[in-house]
Amino acid sequence: MSGYNSLYPDDLPDYENFMSIDLKKELDVLVTLRKVISSVVREITPEPGMKHPLSKTTLEDVRQSFILIASREKEISEAMGMPSQHRPMYKGDTPKTNVVKLHGVTTNKDDK
């Protein structure tokens, strides 16, 4: 048929490029979804000592959603050749690295 585009990988010139575009879109959706759910959870989290407005079942569903989202984000990043080196930081965590400013250190630019 004239003008018919087959969807088979061998017939597409840049199949990998199409796949990476689809994966990038999926990753964007997952990142946005994670951020929105995180914002909702932060906004509805009560002060210490107060009863949480969500049921225990719903809270567990939210936790499981975060696990699924993170897992898929990792799979997509690795499939795109960009494994993440980021680790989550939780409230109260201290950074494992320290930035040290060196005052008085000069470089010799004449060595070029």
Protein backbone atom coordinates (compact mmCIF):
# COMPACT_ATOMS: atom_id res chain seq x y z
CA MET A 1 0.00 0.00 0.00
CA SER A 2 1.23 3.44 -0.83
CA GLY A 3 1.70 5.74 2.16
CA TYR A 4 1.26 2.91 4.67
CA ASN A 5 3.67 3.15 7.61
CA SER A 6 4.36 -0.15 9.29
CA LEU A 7 4.93 -0.11 13.03
CA TYR A 8 7.53 -2.85 12.97
CA PRO A 9 10.96 -1.81 14.34
CA ASP A 10 12.84 -2.88 11.19
CA ASP A 11 10.72 -0.52 9.09
CA LEU A 12 11.38 2.55 11.24
CA PRO A 13 14.63 4.40 10.58
CA ASP A 14 15.15 5.68 14.14
CA TYR A 15 13.30 3.17 16.30
CA GLU A 16 15.64 3.77 19.26
CA ASN A 17 15.04 7.52 18.99
CA PHE A 18 11.26 6.99 19.05
CA MET A 19 11.63 4.74 22.08
CA SER A 20 13.77 7.26 23.95
CA ILE A 21 11.22 10.00 23.23
CA ASP A 22 8.43 7.79 24.60
CA LEU A 23 10.53 6.89 27.65
CA LYS A 24 11.36 10.55 28.23
CA LYS A 25 7.66 11.42 28.15
CA GLU A 26 6.86 8.60 30.56
CA LEU A 27 9.67 9.74 32.86
CA ASP A 28 8.33 13.31 32.78
CA VAL A 29 4.86 12.03 33.72
CA LEU A 30 6.25 9.94 36.58
CA VAL A 31 8.34 12.81 37.96
CA THR A 32 5.34 15.16 37.86
CA LEU A 33 3.10 12.55 39.47
CA ARG A 34 5.63 11.96 42.26
CA LYS A 35 5.94 15.71 42.91
CA VAL A 36 2.16 16.22 43.02
CA ILE A 37 1.59 13.28 45.38
CA SER A 38 4.45 14.52 47.59
CA SER A 39 2.90 18.00 47.75
CA VAL A 40 -0.51 16.60 48.66
CA VAL A 41 0.99 14.42 51.40
CA ARG A 42 2.96 17.38 52.83
CA GLU A 43 -0.13 19.60 52.84
CA ILE A 44 -2.41 17.10 54.58
CA THR A 45 0.13 15.80 57.10
CA PRO A 46 -1.12 16.90 60.53
CA GLU A 47 0.96 18.31 63.36
CA PRO A 48 2.49 15.75 65.75
CA GLY A 49 -0.10 14.26 68.07
CA MET A 50 -3.04 14.92 65.75
CA LYS A 51 -4.96 12.19 63.93
CA HIS A 52 -4.09 11.78 60.26
CA PRO A 53 -7.02 12.47 57.92
CA LEU A 54 -6.17 9.48 55.69
CA SER A 55 -6.93 5.89 56.60
CA LYS A 56 -4.11 3.42 57.20
CA THR A 57 -5.06 1.65 53.98
CA THR A 58 -4.81 4.87 51.97
CA LEU A 59 -1.46 5.73 53.58
CA GLU A 60 -0.12 2.29 52.62
CA ASP A 61 -1.43 2.76 49.07
CA VAL A 62 0.43 6.09 48.84
CA ARG A 63 3.64 4.42 50.09
CA GLN A 64 3.26 1.64 47.53
CA SER A 65 2.64 4.23 44.80
CA PHE A 66 5.91 5.96 45.66
CA ILE A 67 7.73 2.63 45.52
CA LEU A 68 6.25 1.82 42.09
CA ILE A 69 6.99 5.29 40.71
CA ALA A 70 10.59 5.20 41.96
CA SER A 71 11.12 1.72 40.56
CA ARG A 72 9.83 2.68 37.11
CA GLU A 73 11.83 5.94 37.13
CA LYS A 74 14.96 3.89 37.80
CA GLU A 75 14.14 1.40 35.01
CA ILE A 76 13.56 4.18 32.49
CA SER A 77 16.70 6.08 33.50
CA GLU A 78 18.81 2.96 33.13
CA ALA A 79 17.17 2.09 29.77
CA MET A 80 18.05 5.58 28.55
CA GLY A 81 21.64 5.13 29.73
CA MET A 82 21.32 7.64 32.56
CA PRO A 83 21.33 5.74 35.86
CA SER A 84 20.63 8.04 38.77
CA GLN A 85 23.29 8.76 41.33
CA HIS A 86 20.81 10.60 43.54
CA ARG A 87 19.69 9.27 46.87
CA PRO A 88 16.72 10.58 48.82
CA MET A 89 17.33 13.14 51.55
CA TYR A 90 14.95 13.02 54.48
CA LYS A 91 14.13 15.76 56.92
CA GLY A 92 16.82 15.79 59.60
CA ASP A 93 19.40 13.93 57.48
CA THR A 94 22.87 15.38 57.44
CA PRO A 95 24.78 15.48 54.17
CA LYS A 96 27.51 12.87 53.87
CA THR A 97 29.83 15.36 52.19
CA ASN A 98 31.08 18.74 53.33
CA VAL A 99 31.98 21.63 51.08
CA VAL A 100 35.27 23.18 52.10
CA LYS A 101 36.15 26.66 50.85
CA LEU A 102 39.83 27.19 50.26
CA HIS A 103 40.84 30.80 50.77
CA GLY A 104 44.13 32.02 49.46
CA VAL A 105 44.66 29.15 47.02
CA THR A 106 45.69 30.41 43.62
CA THR A 107 46.16 28.66 40.32
CA ASN A 108 48.94 29.29 37.87
CA LYS A 109 47.27 30.04 34.53
CA ASP A 110 50.65 30.40 32.79
CA ASP A 111 51.10 26.61 32.60
CA LYS A 112 48.69 26.29 29.65
